[in-house]
N, C-alpha and C. Protein backbone atom coordinates (compact mmCIF):
# COMPACT_ATOMS: atom_id res chain seq x y z
N MET A 1 -0.07 -23.69 10.65
CA MET A 1 -1.46 -24.43 10.65
C MET A 1 -2.41 -23.62 11.19
N CYS A 2 -2.62 -22.51 10.04
CA CYS A 2 -4.05 -21.20 11.26
C CYS A 2 -4.41 -20.41 9.72
N SER A 3 -5.40 -19.93 9.99
CA SER A 3 -5.97 -19.69 9.63
C SER A 3 -5.65 -18.41 8.70
N ALA A 4 -5.94 -18.31 7.07
CA ALA A 4 -4.77 -16.79 7.12
C ALA A 4 -5.99 -16.92 5.62
N GLN A 5 -5.53 -14.82 5.11
CA GLN A 5 -6.63 -13.91 4.74
C GLN A 5 -5.17 -14.02 2.71
N LEU A 6 -5.87 -13.92 2.43
CA LEU A 6 -5.13 -13.24 1.29
C LEU A 6 -5.98 -12.17 0.44
N ALA A 7 -6.12 -10.91 -0.51
CA ALA A 7 -6.45 -9.99 -0.43
C ALA A 7 -5.45 -9.91 -1.53
N VAL A 8 -7.27 -9.24 -2.88
CA VAL A 8 -6.76 -9.24 -3.89
C VAL A 8 -7.35 -8.26 -4.80
N GLY A 9 -6.73 -8.03 -5.21
CA GLY A 9 -7.01 -6.35 -6.30
C GLY A 9 -8.15 -5.95 -7.25
N CYS A 10 -10.00 -5.48 -6.87
CA CYS A 10 -10.41 -6.21 -8.54
C CYS A 10 -10.78 -4.70 -9.48
N ALA A 11 -11.62 -5.37 -10.19
CA ALA A 11 -12.92 -3.79 -10.47
C ALA A 11 -14.00 -3.16 -9.88
N LEU A 12 -13.90 -3.35 -8.26
CA LEU A 12 -14.88 -2.75 -7.48
C LEU A 12 -14.26 -3.29 -6.18
N GLY A 13 -13.10 -2.86 -6.01
CA GLY A 13 -12.73 -3.06 -4.62
C GLY A 13 -11.17 -4.30 -4.99
N VAL A 14 -11.63 -4.31 -2.84
CA VAL A 14 -10.94 -5.92 -2.61
C VAL A 14 -11.37 -7.11 -2.91
N ALA A 15 -11.47 -8.38 -3.28
CA ALA A 15 -11.95 -9.33 -2.73
C ALA A 15 -10.71 -9.85 -1.87
N LEU A 16 -11.36 -10.67 -0.36
CA LEU A 16 -11.32 -11.06 0.82
C LEU A 16 -10.78 -11.87 1.09
N TRP A 17 -10.18 -13.06 0.67
CA TRP A 17 -10.81 -14.29 0.77
C TRP A 17 -10.28 -14.80 2.60
N THR A 18 -10.88 -15.02 3.44
CA THR A 18 -10.53 -15.85 4.54
C THR A 18 -9.99 -18.10 4.39
N ILE A 19 -9.07 -18.37 4.68
CA ILE A 19 -8.47 -19.70 4.13
C ILE A 19 -8.26 -20.17 5.48
N ASP A 20 -8.83 -21.78 5.56
CA ASP A 20 -9.00 -22.54 6.57
C ASP A 20 -7.95 -23.56 6.47
N PRO A 21 -6.52 -23.78 6.64
CA PRO A 21 -5.39 -24.70 6.05
C PRO A 21 -5.99 -25.68 6.53
N ALA A 22 -6.87 -26.28 7.69
CA ALA A 22 -6.97 -27.14 7.67
C ALA A 22 -8.59 -28.10 7.22
N SER A 23 -9.19 -27.07 6.09
CA SER A 23 -10.20 -27.59 5.56
C SER A 23 -9.99 -28.23 4.57
N LEU A 24 -11.22 -28.76 3.79
CA LEU A 24 -10.83 -30.40 2.37
C LEU A 24 -10.69 -30.16 1.90
N GLY A 25 -11.30 -28.66 0.86
CA GLY A 25 -11.79 -28.28 -0.03
C GLY A 25 -9.59 -27.71 -0.21
N THR A 26 -9.40 -27.53 -1.28
CA THR A 26 -8.11 -26.93 -1.94
C THR A 26 -8.41 -26.03 -2.51
N ARG A 27 -9.58 -25.19 -2.84
CA ARG A 27 -10.27 -24.59 -3.76
C ARG A 27 -10.28 -23.21 -2.30
N PRO A 28 -10.07 -21.68 -2.65
CA PRO A 28 -11.45 -21.35 -1.41
C PRO A 28 -12.29 -21.48 -2.32
N SER A 29 -13.95 -20.78 -1.49
CA SER A 29 -14.72 -20.98 -1.77
C SER A 29 -15.55 -19.19 -1.91
N ALA A 30 -17.12 -18.92 -2.40
CA ALA A 30 -17.43 -18.34 -2.29
C ALA A 30 -17.64 -18.03 -1.06
N SER A 31 -17.90 -19.09 0.30
CA SER A 31 -18.42 -19.07 0.98
C SER A 31 -17.07 -17.91 1.91
N CYS A 32 -16.07 -18.58 1.58
CA CYS A 32 -14.71 -17.46 2.25
C CYS A 32 -14.55 -15.57 1.94
N LEU A 33 -15.73 -15.62 1.53
CA LEU A 33 -15.52 -14.72 0.53
C LEU A 33 -15.54 -12.78 0.48
N THR A 34 -15.24 -11.70 1.15
CA THR A 34 -16.02 -10.70 1.75
C THR A 34 -14.86 -9.43 0.93
N HIS A 35 -16.25 -8.86 0.11
CA HIS A 35 -15.88 -7.65 -0.67
C HIS A 35 -15.86 -6.32 0.40
N LEU A 36 -14.29 -5.98 -0.16
CA LEU A 36 -14.16 -4.32 0.46
C LEU A 36 -14.11 -3.59 -0.38
N PRO A 37 -15.55 -2.91 -0.34
CA PRO A 37 -15.73 -1.82 -1.91
C PRO A 37 -14.95 -0.96 -1.98
N HIS A 38 -14.33 -0.29 -2.77
CA HIS A 38 -13.90 0.93 -3.53
C HIS A 38 -14.88 1.79 -4.47
N SER A 39 -14.82 2.74 -4.72
CA SER A 39 -15.74 3.59 -6.12
C SER A 39 -14.84 3.93 -7.56
N THR A 40 -13.62 2.72 -7.83
CA THR A 40 -12.95 2.17 -8.70
C THR A 40 -12.09 1.34 -9.09
N SER A 41 -11.38 0.80 -9.88
CA SER A 41 -10.70 -0.58 -9.29
C SER A 41 -9.78 -0.57 -9.03
N VAL A 42 -9.74 -1.20 -8.28
CA VAL A 42 -7.82 -0.77 -7.06
C VAL A 42 -6.44 -2.09 -7.80
N ASN A 43 -5.70 -0.93 -7.67
CA ASN A 43 -4.57 -2.03 -8.52
C ASN A 43 -3.60 -2.28 -7.16
N THR A 44 -3.60 -2.12 -6.17
CA THR A 44 -2.29 -2.08 -5.25
C THR A 44 -3.25 -2.57 -3.55
N VAL A 45 -2.73 -3.87 -3.39
CA VAL A 45 -3.10 -3.66 -1.85
C VAL A 45 -1.75 -3.79 -1.06
N SER A 46 -1.57 -3.76 0.78
CA SER A 46 -1.34 -3.46 1.15
C SER A 46 -1.16 -4.19 2.43
N TRP A 47 -0.31 -5.18 3.27
CA TRP A 47 -0.96 -5.47 4.56
C TRP A 47 0.28 -4.80 5.15
N ASP A 48 -0.28 -4.33 6.50
CA ASP A 48 0.64 -3.92 7.96
C ASP A 48 1.58 -4.79 8.50
N PRO A 49 2.68 -5.46 8.88
CA PRO A 49 3.54 -6.26 9.25
C PRO A 49 2.91 -6.65 10.15
N GLN A 50 1.01 -6.32 10.78
CA GLN A 50 0.95 -7.22 12.22
C GLN A 50 -0.32 -7.93 11.80
N GLY A 51 0.04 -7.60 10.05
CA GLY A 51 -1.52 -8.80 9.95
C GLY A 51 -3.20 -8.13 9.60
N LYS A 52 -3.08 -6.53 10.32
CA LYS A 52 -4.16 -6.55 10.68
C LYS A 52 -4.82 -5.56 10.58
N TYR A 53 -4.31 -4.36 9.71
CA TYR A 53 -5.26 -3.30 8.56
C TYR A 53 -3.95 -4.11 6.94
N LEU A 54 -5.33 -3.10 6.07
CA LEU A 54 -5.08 -3.50 4.77
C LEU A 54 -4.63 -1.98 4.05
N ALA A 55 -3.94 -1.56 3.37
CA ALA A 55 -4.18 -0.43 2.88
C ALA A 55 -4.54 -0.53 1.70
N SER A 56 -5.65 0.24 0.73
CA SER A 56 -6.23 -0.14 -0.98
C SER A 56 -5.55 1.25 -1.29
N GLY A 57 -5.89 0.86 -2.62
CA GLY A 57 -5.78 1.75 -3.76
C GLY A 57 -6.07 1.65 -5.59
N SER A 58 -5.82 2.29 -5.61
CA SER A 58 -6.45 2.75 -7.25
C SER A 58 -5.99 3.95 -7.57
N ALA A 59 -4.72 3.66 -8.95
CA ALA A 59 -4.48 4.41 -10.13
C ALA A 59 -5.63 5.85 -10.29
N LYS A 60 -6.70 5.21 -10.53
CA LYS A 60 -8.08 6.11 -11.39
C LYS A 60 -7.99 6.92 -9.94
N ASP A 61 -8.49 6.74 -9.04
CA ASP A 61 -8.83 6.97 -7.81
C ASP A 61 -7.89 7.66 -6.54
N SER A 62 -7.72 9.60 -5.82
CA SER A 62 -7.07 9.46 -5.38
C SER A 62 -7.39 9.44 -3.98
N SER A 63 -7.72 8.29 -3.64
CA SER A 63 -8.63 7.62 -2.11
C SER A 63 -8.27 6.85 -1.82
N LEU A 64 -7.35 6.52 -0.46
CA LEU A 64 -6.68 5.69 -0.02
C LEU A 64 -7.43 5.01 1.15
N TYR A 65 -7.51 3.70 1.25
CA TYR A 65 -8.24 2.99 2.47
C TYR A 65 -7.52 2.10 3.36
N ILE A 66 -7.43 2.25 4.33
CA ILE A 66 -7.13 1.82 5.12
C ILE A 66 -8.13 1.09 6.23
N TRP A 67 -8.26 -0.15 5.63
CA TRP A 67 -8.92 -0.90 6.65
C TRP A 67 -8.71 -2.00 7.81
N ASN A 68 -9.72 -1.66 8.42
CA ASN A 68 -9.35 -3.27 9.62
C ASN A 68 -10.04 -4.13 9.81
N VAL A 69 -9.26 -4.84 9.02
CA VAL A 69 -10.05 -5.61 8.50
C VAL A 69 -10.71 -7.13 9.30
N GLU A 70 -10.65 -7.15 10.73
CA GLU A 70 -10.99 -8.04 11.64
C GLU A 70 -13.08 -6.77 11.26
N ASN A 71 -13.16 -5.88 11.40
CA ASN A 71 -15.01 -5.46 11.45
C ASN A 71 -14.63 -4.67 9.56
N ARG A 72 -14.06 -5.06 9.01
CA ARG A 72 -14.04 -4.84 7.95
C ARG A 72 -14.13 -3.22 7.92
N GLU A 73 -13.78 -2.76 8.28
CA GLU A 73 -14.46 -1.33 8.91
C GLU A 73 -13.37 -0.09 7.83
N ALA A 74 -13.71 0.92 6.89
CA ALA A 74 -12.23 1.71 6.51
C ALA A 74 -12.46 2.64 6.66
N THR A 75 -10.90 3.34 6.93
CA THR A 75 -10.65 4.99 7.17
C THR A 75 -10.54 4.70 6.05
N LEU A 76 -11.50 6.63 4.88
CA LEU A 76 -10.20 7.48 4.05
C LEU A 76 -9.47 8.48 4.41
N LEU A 77 -8.59 8.54 3.69
CA LEU A 77 -7.04 8.74 4.24
C LEU A 77 -7.99 10.18 2.98
N GLN A 78 -6.96 11.47 3.07
CA GLN A 78 -8.05 12.89 3.43
C GLN A 78 -6.55 12.61 1.76
N LYS A 79 -7.40 13.26 0.51
CA LYS A 79 -6.68 12.83 -0.82
C LYS A 79 -6.02 13.73 -1.05
N PHE A 80 -4.38 13.63 -2.39
CA PHE A 80 -3.73 14.91 -1.52
C PHE A 80 -3.41 15.06 -3.63
N ARG A 81 -3.03 15.86 -3.72
CA ARG A 81 -2.53 16.25 -5.94
C ARG A 81 -1.09 15.29 -5.99
N GLY A 82 -1.66 14.84 -7.63
CA GLY A 82 -0.43 13.68 -7.03
C GLY A 82 -1.95 12.18 -7.92
N GLY A 83 -2.39 12.77 -8.20
CA GLY A 83 -2.96 11.18 -8.63
C GLY A 83 -3.59 10.10 -7.76
N GLY A 84 -4.24 9.38 -8.10
CA GLY A 84 -4.19 7.72 -7.91
C GLY A 84 -2.61 7.44 -7.11
N TYR A 85 -2.80 5.66 -6.26
CA TYR A 85 -2.65 5.42 -6.00
C TYR A 85 -1.58 3.93 -7.33
N THR A 86 -0.32 4.08 -6.93
CA THR A 86 -0.45 2.53 -7.47
C THR A 86 1.05 1.42 -7.59
N PHE A 87 1.37 1.45 -6.08
CA PHE A 87 2.24 1.99 -5.50
C PHE A 87 1.86 1.45 -3.90
N LEU A 88 2.45 0.87 -2.64
CA LEU A 88 1.59 1.32 -1.41
C LEU A 88 2.94 -0.25 -0.75
N THR A 89 3.70 0.14 -0.13
CA THR A 89 4.43 -0.71 0.90
C THR A 89 4.50 -0.12 2.15
N TRP A 90 3.89 -0.80 4.02
CA TRP A 90 4.18 -0.55 5.09
C TRP A 90 5.90 -1.22 5.34
N ASN A 91 6.21 -0.01 6.62
CA ASN A 91 7.96 -0.54 6.67
C ASN A 91 7.47 -1.41 7.65
N PRO A 92 8.47 -2.09 8.44
CA PRO A 92 8.76 -3.15 9.00
C PRO A 92 8.03 -3.06 10.14
N THR A 93 7.87 -1.56 10.75
CA THR A 93 7.43 -1.62 11.88
C THR A 93 5.41 -0.71 12.00
N GLY A 94 5.43 -0.99 10.76
CA GLY A 94 4.42 -0.48 10.98
C GLY A 94 4.06 0.88 11.08
N TYR A 95 4.51 1.46 11.35
CA TYR A 95 4.53 2.70 11.43
C TYR A 95 4.49 4.38 10.03
N ARG A 96 4.81 3.60 8.92
CA ARG A 96 5.05 4.84 8.00
C ARG A 96 4.44 4.15 7.01
N LEU A 97 4.13 4.46 5.99
CA LEU A 97 3.87 3.51 5.09
C LEU A 97 3.72 4.38 4.08
N LEU A 98 4.81 4.50 3.12
CA LEU A 98 4.56 4.92 1.27
C LEU A 98 4.22 4.71 0.36
N ALA A 99 3.72 5.44 0.16
CA ALA A 99 2.73 4.90 -2.03
C ALA A 99 2.66 5.99 -2.14
N GLY A 100 2.85 4.84 -3.34
CA GLY A 100 3.38 5.95 -5.21
C GLY A 100 2.17 6.31 -5.35
N THR A 101 1.93 6.97 -6.35
CA THR A 101 1.06 7.67 -7.79
C THR A 101 1.65 7.34 -9.14
N PRO A 102 0.93 8.05 -9.90
CA PRO A 102 1.30 7.73 -11.13
C PRO A 102 2.02 9.10 -11.25
N GLY A 103 2.33 9.84 -11.21
CA GLY A 103 2.60 11.15 -11.13
C GLY A 103 3.50 10.89 -10.71
N ASN A 104 4.57 11.91 -10.15
CA ASN A 104 6.13 11.81 -9.95
C ASN A 104 6.43 12.66 -8.29
N VAL A 105 4.79 12.74 -7.62
CA VAL A 105 4.63 12.23 -6.64
C VAL A 105 4.68 10.91 -5.79
N PHE A 106 5.10 11.05 -4.60
CA PHE A 106 5.06 9.90 -3.69
C PHE A 106 4.54 10.67 -2.15
N LYS A 107 4.17 10.00 -1.29
CA LYS A 107 3.94 9.76 -0.26
C LYS A 107 4.86 9.17 1.13
N ILE A 108 4.53 9.35 1.98
CA ILE A 108 4.87 8.98 3.05
C ILE A 108 3.58 9.33 4.26
N TRP A 109 3.53 7.67 4.54
CA TRP A 109 2.64 8.56 6.07
C TRP A 109 3.07 8.25 6.91
N GLU A 110 2.51 8.81 8.03
CA GLU A 110 2.99 8.60 9.83
C GLU A 110 1.48 7.87 10.23
N THR A 111 1.57 6.58 10.49
CA THR A 111 0.01 5.43 10.80
C THR A 111 -0.34 6.53 12.28
N LYS A 112 0.60 7.01 13.38
CA LYS A 112 0.31 6.64 14.53
C LYS A 112 -1.33 8.13 14.08
N THR A 113 -0.21 9.19 13.11
CA THR A 113 -1.85 10.32 12.74
C THR A 113 -2.21 10.75 12.09
N TRP A 114 -2.03 9.18 11.03
CA TRP A 114 -1.73 9.00 9.84
C TRP A 114 -1.96 11.56 8.34
N SER A 115 -0.64 11.12 8.44
CA SER A 115 -0.49 12.79 8.17
C SER A 115 0.59 12.22 7.50
N ALA A 116 1.01 12.65 6.09
CA ALA A 116 2.00 12.53 5.02
C ALA A 116 3.00 14.01 4.62
N GLU A 117 3.90 13.28 4.54
CA GLU A 117 5.14 13.71 3.40
C GLU A 117 4.32 14.32 2.63
N ILE A 118 4.83 14.74 1.38
CA ILE A 118 4.60 14.70 0.01
C ILE A 118 6.75 14.87 0.59
N TRP A 119 6.41 13.85 -1.30
CA TRP A 119 7.37 13.99 -2.13
C TRP A 119 7.70 14.02 -3.84
N ASP A 120 8.71 14.67 -4.33
CA ASP A 120 7.92 14.67 -5.82
C ASP A 120 9.83 14.93 -5.92
N VAL A 121 10.77 13.62 -5.65
CA VAL A 121 12.03 14.55 -6.81
C VAL A 121 11.92 13.81 -7.27
N MET A 122 11.72 13.39 -7.94
CA MET A 122 11.56 12.93 -9.34
C MET A 122 10.75 14.12 -10.99
N ASP A 123 12.10 13.85 -11.82
CA ASP A 123 11.14 14.63 -12.54
C ASP A 123 10.49 14.24 -13.85
N ASP A 124 10.35 13.24 -13.74
CA ASP A 124 8.99 12.85 -14.31
C ASP A 124 9.78 10.64 -14.04
N GLY A 125 8.20 9.93 -14.52
CA GLY A 125 8.16 8.75 -14.19
C GLY A 125 7.13 8.51 -12.45
N HIS A 126 7.09 7.68 -12.29
CA HIS A 126 6.78 7.24 -10.64
C HIS A 126 7.74 6.38 -10.46
N ILE A 127 6.77 5.71 -8.79
CA ILE A 127 7.67 4.61 -8.53
C ILE A 127 7.38 2.96 -8.85
N GLN A 128 8.07 2.83 -9.20
CA GLN A 128 7.81 0.83 -9.94
C GLN A 128 7.98 0.33 -8.63
N ALA A 129 9.24 0.57 -8.05
CA ALA A 129 9.38 -0.52 -6.29
C ALA A 129 10.17 0.00 -5.53
N ALA A 130 9.73 -0.02 -4.42
CA ALA A 130 10.48 -0.12 -3.31
C ALA A 130 10.34 -0.67 -1.79
N ALA A 131 11.66 -0.83 -1.06
CA ALA A 131 11.62 -1.40 0.39
C ALA A 131 12.36 -0.38 1.74
N TRP A 132 11.36 -0.93 2.43
CA TRP A 132 11.99 -0.63 3.95
C TRP A 132 13.32 -1.57 4.63
N SER A 133 14.04 -0.06 4.98
CA SER A 133 14.90 -1.43 5.95
C SER A 133 14.41 -1.73 6.74
N PRO A 134 15.80 -2.61 7.12
CA PRO A 134 14.88 -3.51 8.82
C PRO A 134 14.40 -3.09 9.71
N CYS A 135 15.06 -1.91 9.93
CA CYS A 135 14.69 -0.73 11.15
C CYS A 135 13.28 0.35 10.64
N GLY A 136 13.22 0.54 9.04
CA GLY A 136 12.06 0.92 9.14
C GLY A 136 12.16 2.18 8.60
N THR A 137 13.27 3.24 8.70
CA THR A 137 13.43 4.53 8.94
C THR A 137 14.52 4.66 7.64
N LYS A 138 14.32 3.75 6.74
CA LYS A 138 14.62 3.88 5.07
C LYS A 138 14.35 3.15 3.70
N ALA A 139 14.14 3.93 3.20
CA ALA A 139 13.48 3.61 2.57
C ALA A 139 14.56 3.46 0.59
N ILE A 140 14.37 2.70 0.13
CA ILE A 140 15.13 2.70 -1.29
C ILE A 140 13.72 2.64 -2.38
N LEU A 141 13.72 2.98 -3.47
CA LEU A 141 13.17 3.34 -4.53
C LEU A 141 12.91 3.84 -6.66
N ALA A 142 12.85 2.99 -6.81
CA ALA A 142 13.38 3.51 -7.92
C ALA A 142 11.66 4.31 -9.30
N ASP A 143 12.48 5.01 -10.05
CA ASP A 143 10.66 5.33 -9.96
C ASP A 143 11.29 4.47 -12.06
N SER A 144 10.18 4.83 -12.83
CA SER A 144 10.16 4.58 -14.08
C SER A 144 10.65 4.45 -15.01
N VAL A 145 11.70 5.18 -15.11
CA VAL A 145 12.30 6.15 -16.07
C VAL A 145 14.13 6.10 -16.00
N HIS A 146 14.19 7.04 -14.30
CA HIS A 146 15.55 6.25 -14.01
C HIS A 146 16.99 5.21 -14.10
N PRO A 147 18.32 5.59 -14.88
CA PRO A 147 18.86 4.24 -13.82
C PRO A 147 19.69 5.12 -12.74
N LEU A 148 18.27 5.48 -11.57
CA LEU A 148 18.89 5.89 -10.18
C LEU A 148 17.68 4.99 -9.09
N ILE A 149 18.78 4.73 -7.94
CA ILE A 149 17.83 4.61 -6.16
C ILE A 149 18.11 5.64 -6.38
N TYR A 150 17.03 5.74 -5.35
CA TYR A 150 16.81 7.01 -4.49
C TYR A 150 16.51 6.13 -3.16
N CYS A 151 17.10 6.48 -1.55
CA CYS A 151 17.12 6.65 -0.88
C CYS A 151 16.32 7.61 0.30
N VAL A 152 15.67 7.90 0.76
CA VAL A 152 14.93 8.04 1.43
C VAL A 152 14.89 8.00 2.98
N ASP A 153 15.06 8.93 4.08
CA ASP A 153 14.96 8.22 5.67
C ASP A 153 13.92 9.27 6.79
N LYS A 154 13.78 8.77 7.45
CA LYS A 154 12.42 9.79 7.55
C LYS A 154 12.62 10.45 8.36
N VAL A 155 13.83 11.73 8.26
CA VAL A 155 14.39 13.15 8.19
C VAL A 155 14.02 13.38 7.29
N GLY A 156 13.90 12.93 6.71
CA GLY A 156 13.83 14.03 4.72
C GLY A 156 14.65 14.67 4.05
N SER A 157 15.23 14.12 4.12
CA SER A 157 16.75 13.98 3.42
C SER A 157 16.58 12.68 2.21
N THR A 158 17.32 12.83 0.55
CA THR A 158 17.01 12.78 -0.01
C THR A 158 18.60 12.54 -0.55
N GLU A 159 18.63 10.73 -0.52
CA GLU A 159 20.15 10.92 -1.66
C GLU A 159 19.01 10.02 -3.13
N PHE A 160 20.46 10.08 -4.19
CA PHE A 160 20.56 9.60 -5.07
C PHE A 160 21.43 8.79 -5.81
N PHE A 161 21.48 6.54 -5.96
CA PHE A 161 22.74 6.45 -6.26
C PHE A 161 22.25 5.85 -7.78
N ILE A 162 23.14 6.01 -8.60
CA ILE A 162 23.53 4.95 -9.27
C ILE A 162 23.68 3.50 -9.64
């Protein structure tokens, strides 16, 4: 029974609703809505494990925003090759953010310094799904083309599984 926030990617940014479960209304109203602007449509969002930061990205733009939800301020991360962003997921510790692109490149951002490791292990396709291990040191990935599951660990090695 605490307030909650719902983030939804939309045509010009992120719609962020703050909802009080003790309120009498059954639907969030416009008074609960905050707009977090982007220059293009947002198709991927991901909350950090503590719920303080929200990552948002667009497949049409290589800008990746990290929003401090409390003060509604964004940090724009530097742009890299690989196009925009189609998939974002934080690891359970909040120290890494995996970012899939429309191409065969994906990035793993280290969140203390916001530096990124760039990976292009796939010949074609893009990341379709990913999940982190509970300790946050390994990620498993599936791409949109191959019948493989990839495993990436924090020291930069990759394994392939069928």
